[in-house]
């Protein structure tokens, strides 16, 4: 992955864009996806370069977004060849979520250890057994787990090594059930006729709040606090007795 050697944006040399519009890409080459666009006269921070000094790794004016651009379209304040040589990881991904929580384990039940913002890219280190959560490292060296739904991988997740030790799920999860569907609609009522109010994904945890009169649908709360109904066929409820939950069948 890309690891700058200097501590803060204020310490990096700058360059000014000298073309009308310049794509910032996820890798050092025109085949990589565009993560942002900069325009004539804008400044960027220079973090590093490729081995040929033809592409430079930059941080944009927002001090968050990072990526590669062709050095011939900027006027650098320093000789590009003096910038640190940056090596791009084989297994990397672009963050899609505006702000993505990084957790200590492959589930929303694990505590947050950091965040990474949209359009930055991360190094993928390992995957869970299903390839739904991946362990990552950010450019600031934060290591933890994120859901692949919020990443655009630049290489195959299935090709990553499977993690062998992810730690125990934190205590206090007695009322939690794990989602088994890849993507599961959380609905406003206990039937598919009700509209979705949220989506949860495989291996996500939801808190069980109640059930319908037959115990086929349960009212849940997601990790984000959204409440709604899901069918029990798509949950692993462990040893929880569904019929022991309060009957919350809507009366309207």
Protein backbone atom coordinates (compact mmCIF):
# COMPACT_ATOMS: atom_id res chain seq x y z
CA UNK A 1 0.00 0.00 0.00
CA UNK A 2 1.05 3.65 -0.10
CA UNK A 3 2.79 4.84 3.02
CA UNK A 4 3.97 8.46 3.03
CA UNK A 5 7.04 9.15 5.12
CA UNK A 6 6.06 12.68 6.20
CA UNK A 7 3.63 13.30 9.01
CA UNK A 8 1.07 15.86 7.86
CA UNK A 9 -0.21 17.58 4.72
CA UNK A 10 1.44 20.85 5.75
CA UNK A 11 4.86 19.16 5.49
CA UNK A 12 4.36 17.89 1.93
CA UNK A 13 5.57 19.84 -1.11
CA UNK A 14 2.86 21.05 -3.46
CA UNK A 15 2.14 21.12 -7.17
CA UNK A 16 -0.28 23.21 -9.21
CA UNK A 17 -2.48 21.71 -11.93
CA UNK A 18 -1.65 23.11 -15.37
CA UNK A 19 -4.36 21.52 -17.52
CA UNK A 20 -8.09 22.23 -17.71
CA UNK A 21 -9.16 19.02 -15.96
CA UNK A 22 -6.99 16.22 -14.62
CA UNK A 23 -8.16 12.81 -13.43
CA UNK A 24 -6.87 11.49 -10.12
CA UNK A 25 -6.71 7.69 -10.31
CA UNK A 26 -6.55 4.81 -7.86
CA UNK A 27 -3.27 3.58 -9.34
CA UNK A 28 -0.24 4.79 -11.28
CA UNK A 29 -1.60 4.43 -14.82
CA UNK A 30 -4.50 5.37 -17.09
CA UNK A 31 -6.17 1.96 -16.70
CA UNK A 32 -7.01 2.57 -13.03
CA UNK A 33 -10.42 3.97 -12.02
CA UNK A 34 -10.88 7.71 -11.54
CA UNK A 35 -11.38 8.68 -7.88
CA UNK A 36 -11.52 12.46 -8.33
CA UNK A 37 -10.87 15.29 -10.78
CA UNK A 38 -8.78 18.43 -10.20
CA UNK A 39 -8.80 21.58 -12.31
CA UNK A 40 -6.46 24.24 -13.64
CA UNK A 41 -4.81 26.28 -10.90
CA UNK A 42 -5.70 23.93 -8.04
CA UNK A 43 -2.98 22.80 -5.67
CA UNK A 44 -2.28 19.24 -4.57
CA UNK A 45 0.10 17.84 -1.96
CA UNK A 46 2.86 15.59 -3.32
CA UNK A 47 3.23 12.43 -1.25
CA UNK A 48 5.35 10.25 -3.54
CA UNK A 49 6.06 8.96 -7.03
CA UNK A 50 6.28 5.80 -9.11
CA UNK A 51 9.61 4.28 -10.11
CA UNK A 52 9.71 6.20 -13.40
CA UNK A 53 8.65 9.52 -11.82
CA UNK A 54 5.89 9.71 -14.43
CA UNK A 55 3.05 9.46 -11.93
CA UNK A 56 2.83 11.17 -8.55
CA UNK A 57 0.77 10.16 -5.54
CA UNK A 58 -1.09 13.18 -4.20
CA UNK A 59 -3.49 14.35 -1.51
CA UNK A 60 -6.13 16.84 -2.61
CA UNK A 61 -7.05 20.19 -1.08
CA UNK A 62 -9.67 18.53 1.18
CA UNK A 63 -6.75 16.84 2.99
CA UNK A 64 -8.62 13.51 2.70
CA UNK A 65 -8.79 12.25 -0.89
CA UNK A 66 -5.64 10.61 -2.23
CA UNK A 67 -4.67 9.13 -5.60
CA UNK A 68 -2.33 9.18 -8.58
CA UNK A 69 -2.00 11.71 -11.39
CA UNK A 70 0.31 12.12 -14.36
CA UNK A 71 3.21 14.36 -13.37
CA UNK A 72 3.48 16.08 -16.76
CA UNK A 73 0.18 17.87 -16.11
CA UNK A 74 1.29 19.56 -12.88
CA UNK A 75 3.96 22.10 -12.01
CA UNK A 76 5.69 20.72 -8.88
CA UNK A 77 7.47 22.87 -6.32
CA UNK A 78 10.22 20.23 -6.07
CA UNK A 79 11.95 17.80 -8.39
CA UNK A 80 9.58 14.82 -8.70
CA UNK A 81 12.51 12.39 -8.59
CA UNK A 82 13.26 13.51 -5.01
CA UNK A 83 9.83 12.37 -3.76
CA UNK A 84 9.54 9.08 -1.83
CA UNK A 85 9.11 6.01 -4.02
CA UNK A 86 5.65 4.58 -3.36
CA UNK A 87 4.83 0.90 -3.86
CA UNK A 88 1.23 -0.02 -4.62
CA UNK A 89 -0.20 -3.08 -2.94
CA UNK A 90 -1.35 -5.96 -5.12
CA UNK A 91 -4.51 -6.32 -3.03
CA UNK A 92 -6.12 -2.93 -2.65
CA UNK A 93 -9.62 -1.46 -2.73
CA UNK A 94 -11.31 1.92 -3.02
CA UNK A 95 -13.65 3.00 -0.22
CA UNK A 96 -17.22 3.68 -1.43
CA UNK A 97 -18.86 4.75 1.83
CA UNK A 98 -18.66 8.43 2.80
CA UNK A 99 -17.17 7.38 6.15
CA UNK A 100 -16.48 3.69 6.77
CA UNK A 101 -16.04 2.26 10.26
CA UNK A 102 -13.06 -0.04 10.74
CA UNK A 103 -13.76 -2.69 13.39
CA UNK A 104 -11.63 -4.98 15.51
CA UNK A 105 -13.34 -8.06 14.07
CA UNK A 106 -15.47 -9.13 11.07
CA UNK A 107 -18.87 -8.06 12.38
CA UNK A 108 -20.74 -4.96 13.51
CA UNK A 109 -20.70 -6.44 17.02
CA UNK A 110 -16.99 -5.61 17.26
CA UNK A 111 -15.90 -2.14 18.42
CA UNK A 112 -14.80 0.56 15.99
CA UNK A 113 -11.02 1.11 15.94
CA UNK A 114 -10.92 3.82 13.29
CA UNK A 115 -12.52 5.20 10.13
CA UNK A 116 -11.58 5.71 6.50
CA UNK A 117 -13.28 8.11 4.11
CA UNK A 118 -14.71 7.82 0.62
CA UNK A 119 -12.40 7.46 -2.42
CA UNK A 120 -9.34 6.61 -0.35
CA UNK A 121 -7.91 3.20 -0.97
CA UNK A 122 -6.84 0.56 1.49
CA UNK A 123 -4.71 -2.56 1.45
CA UNK A 124 -6.66 -5.80 1.83
CA UNK A 125 -4.85 -8.23 4.12
CA UNK A 126 -7.20 -11.14 4.87
CA UNK A 127 -10.83 -12.19 4.51
CA UNK A 128 -13.37 -13.99 6.63
CA UNK A 129 -14.54 -17.48 5.67
CA UNK A 130 -17.31 -16.09 3.44
CA UNK A 131 -15.34 -13.29 1.79
CA UNK A 132 -17.87 -10.77 3.10
CA UNK A 133 -15.60 -8.96 5.56
CA UNK A 134 -11.96 -8.12 4.85
CA UNK A 135 -9.13 -7.07 7.11
CA UNK A 136 -7.53 -3.88 5.80
CA UNK A 137 -4.71 -1.43 6.45
CA UNK A 138 -5.16 2.28 5.76
CA UNK A 139 -2.52 4.79 4.66
CA UNK A 140 -2.36 5.95 8.30
CA UNK A 141 -1.59 2.34 9.32
CA UNK A 142 -4.95 1.63 10.99
CA UNK A 143 -5.64 -2.12 10.76
CA UNK A 144 -9.09 -3.66 11.15
CA UNK A 145 -12.14 -5.13 9.44
CA UNK A 146 -14.67 -3.62 7.00
CA UNK A 147 -17.63 -5.01 5.06
CA UNK A 148 -16.93 -5.57 1.36
CA UNK A 149 -20.28 -3.96 0.44
CA UNK A 150 -18.55 -0.60 1.02
CA UNK A 151 -15.42 -1.34 -1.03
CA UNK A 152 -14.56 -1.51 -4.71
CA UNK A 153 -11.77 -4.14 -4.72
CA UNK A 154 -9.07 -3.83 -7.35
CA UNK A 155 -8.27 -7.54 -6.98
CA UNK A 156 -10.24 -10.64 -6.04
CA UNK A 157 -11.35 -10.88 -2.41
CA UNK A 158 -11.55 -14.67 -2.76
CA UNK A 159 -7.83 -14.71 -3.48
CA UNK A 160 -6.98 -13.33 -0.04
CA UNK A 161 -5.86 -15.64 2.74
CA UNK A 162 -8.63 -16.62 5.15
CA UNK A 163 -8.11 -15.27 8.65
CA UNK A 164 -7.62 -18.01 11.23
CA UNK A 165 -8.12 -15.96 14.40
CA UNK A 166 -10.57 -13.04 14.50
CA UNK A 167 -11.15 -12.97 18.26
CA UNK A 168 -14.32 -13.61 20.22
CA UNK A 169 -17.47 -11.63 19.60
CA UNK A 170 -17.80 -9.10 22.44
CA UNK A 171 -19.91 -9.93 25.46
CA UNK A 172 -23.41 -8.54 25.80
CA UNK A 173 -24.68 -10.04 22.56
CA UNK A 174 -27.27 -12.37 24.10
CA UNK A 175 -30.13 -10.71 22.21
CA UNK A 176 -28.38 -10.62 18.86
CA UNK A 177 -29.04 -12.68 15.75
CA UNK A 178 -26.76 -12.96 12.75
CA UNK A 179 -27.95 -12.37 9.19
CA UNK A 180 -27.47 -15.35 6.85
CA UNK A 181 -28.78 -13.82 3.60
CA UNK A 182 -26.26 -11.93 1.46
CA UNK A 183 -28.53 -8.87 1.56
CA UNK A 184 -31.70 -8.76 3.63
CA UNK A 185 -34.44 -6.13 3.51
CA UNK A 186 -35.58 -4.75 6.84
CA UNK A 187 -39.26 -3.89 6.36
CA UNK A 188 -41.71 -1.54 8.06
CA UNK A 189 -44.00 -4.45 8.94
CA UNK A 190 -44.00 -8.27 9.25
CA UNK A 191 -44.66 -9.14 5.60
CA UNK A 192 -43.03 -8.71 2.19
CA UNK A 193 -45.87 -6.34 1.29
CA UNK A 194 -44.35 -3.73 3.61
CA UNK A 195 -41.69 -1.42 2.13
CA UNK A 196 -38.01 -1.79 3.06
CA UNK A 197 -36.58 0.72 5.51
CA UNK A 198 -33.01 -0.59 5.55
CA UNK A 199 -30.77 -3.39 4.28
CA UNK A 200 -28.50 -5.63 6.35
CA UNK A 201 -25.89 -8.02 5.03
CA UNK A 202 -24.55 -11.50 5.69
CA UNK A 203 -22.85 -11.83 9.10
CA UNK A 204 -24.26 -8.51 10.29
CA UNK A 205 -25.85 -8.63 13.74
CA UNK A 206 -29.31 -7.31 14.54
CA UNK A 207 -30.89 -6.90 17.95
CA UNK A 208 -34.12 -8.84 18.44
CA UNK A 209 -36.88 -6.66 19.89
CA UNK A 210 -40.04 -8.72 19.38
CA UNK A 211 -41.94 -11.10 17.11
CA UNK A 212 -45.20 -11.46 15.24
CA UNK A 213 -47.92 -13.72 16.63
CA UNK A 214 -46.59 -16.78 14.80
CA UNK A 215 -42.90 -16.23 15.42
CA UNK A 216 -42.15 -16.11 11.69
CA UNK A 217 -41.14 -12.45 11.58
CA UNK A 218 -39.12 -10.59 14.18
CA UNK A 219 -38.78 -6.90 14.85
CA UNK A 220 -35.11 -5.95 14.93
CA UNK A 221 -32.82 -2.99 15.40
CA UNK A 222 -29.81 -2.66 13.10
CA UNK A 223 -26.36 -1.45 14.09
CA UNK A 224 -27.31 2.03 12.84
CA UNK A 225 -30.38 2.11 15.10
CA UNK A 226 -33.01 1.53 12.38
CA UNK A 227 -35.93 -0.62 13.50
CA UNK A 228 -37.99 -2.90 11.28
CA UNK A 229 -39.04 -6.46 10.52
CA UNK A 230 -37.20 -9.42 8.96
CA UNK A 231 -38.17 -13.04 8.36
CA UNK A 232 -36.57 -15.52 10.75
CA UNK A 233 -35.65 -17.79 7.82
CA UNK A 234 -32.74 -15.41 7.10
CA UNK A 235 -31.39 -15.18 10.63
CA UNK A 236 -29.20 -17.39 12.78
CA UNK A 237 -30.81 -16.89 16.16
CA UNK A 238 -28.73 -19.47 18.00
CA UNK A 239 -30.38 -20.60 21.22
CA UNK A 240 -32.79 -17.66 21.42
CA UNK A 241 -36.41 -18.76 21.91
CA UNK A 242 -38.28 -16.61 19.39
CA UNK A 243 -41.65 -17.23 21.03
CA UNK A 244 -40.26 -15.89 24.31
CA UNK A 245 -39.85 -12.47 22.69
CA UNK A 246 -42.71 -9.99 23.22
CA UNK A 247 -45.53 -10.16 20.67
CA UNK A 248 -45.26 -6.92 18.71
CA UNK A 249 -47.65 -7.76 15.91
CA UNK A 250 -48.97 -4.47 14.50
CA UNK A 251 -52.64 -3.82 15.26
CA UNK A 252 -53.26 -1.41 12.38
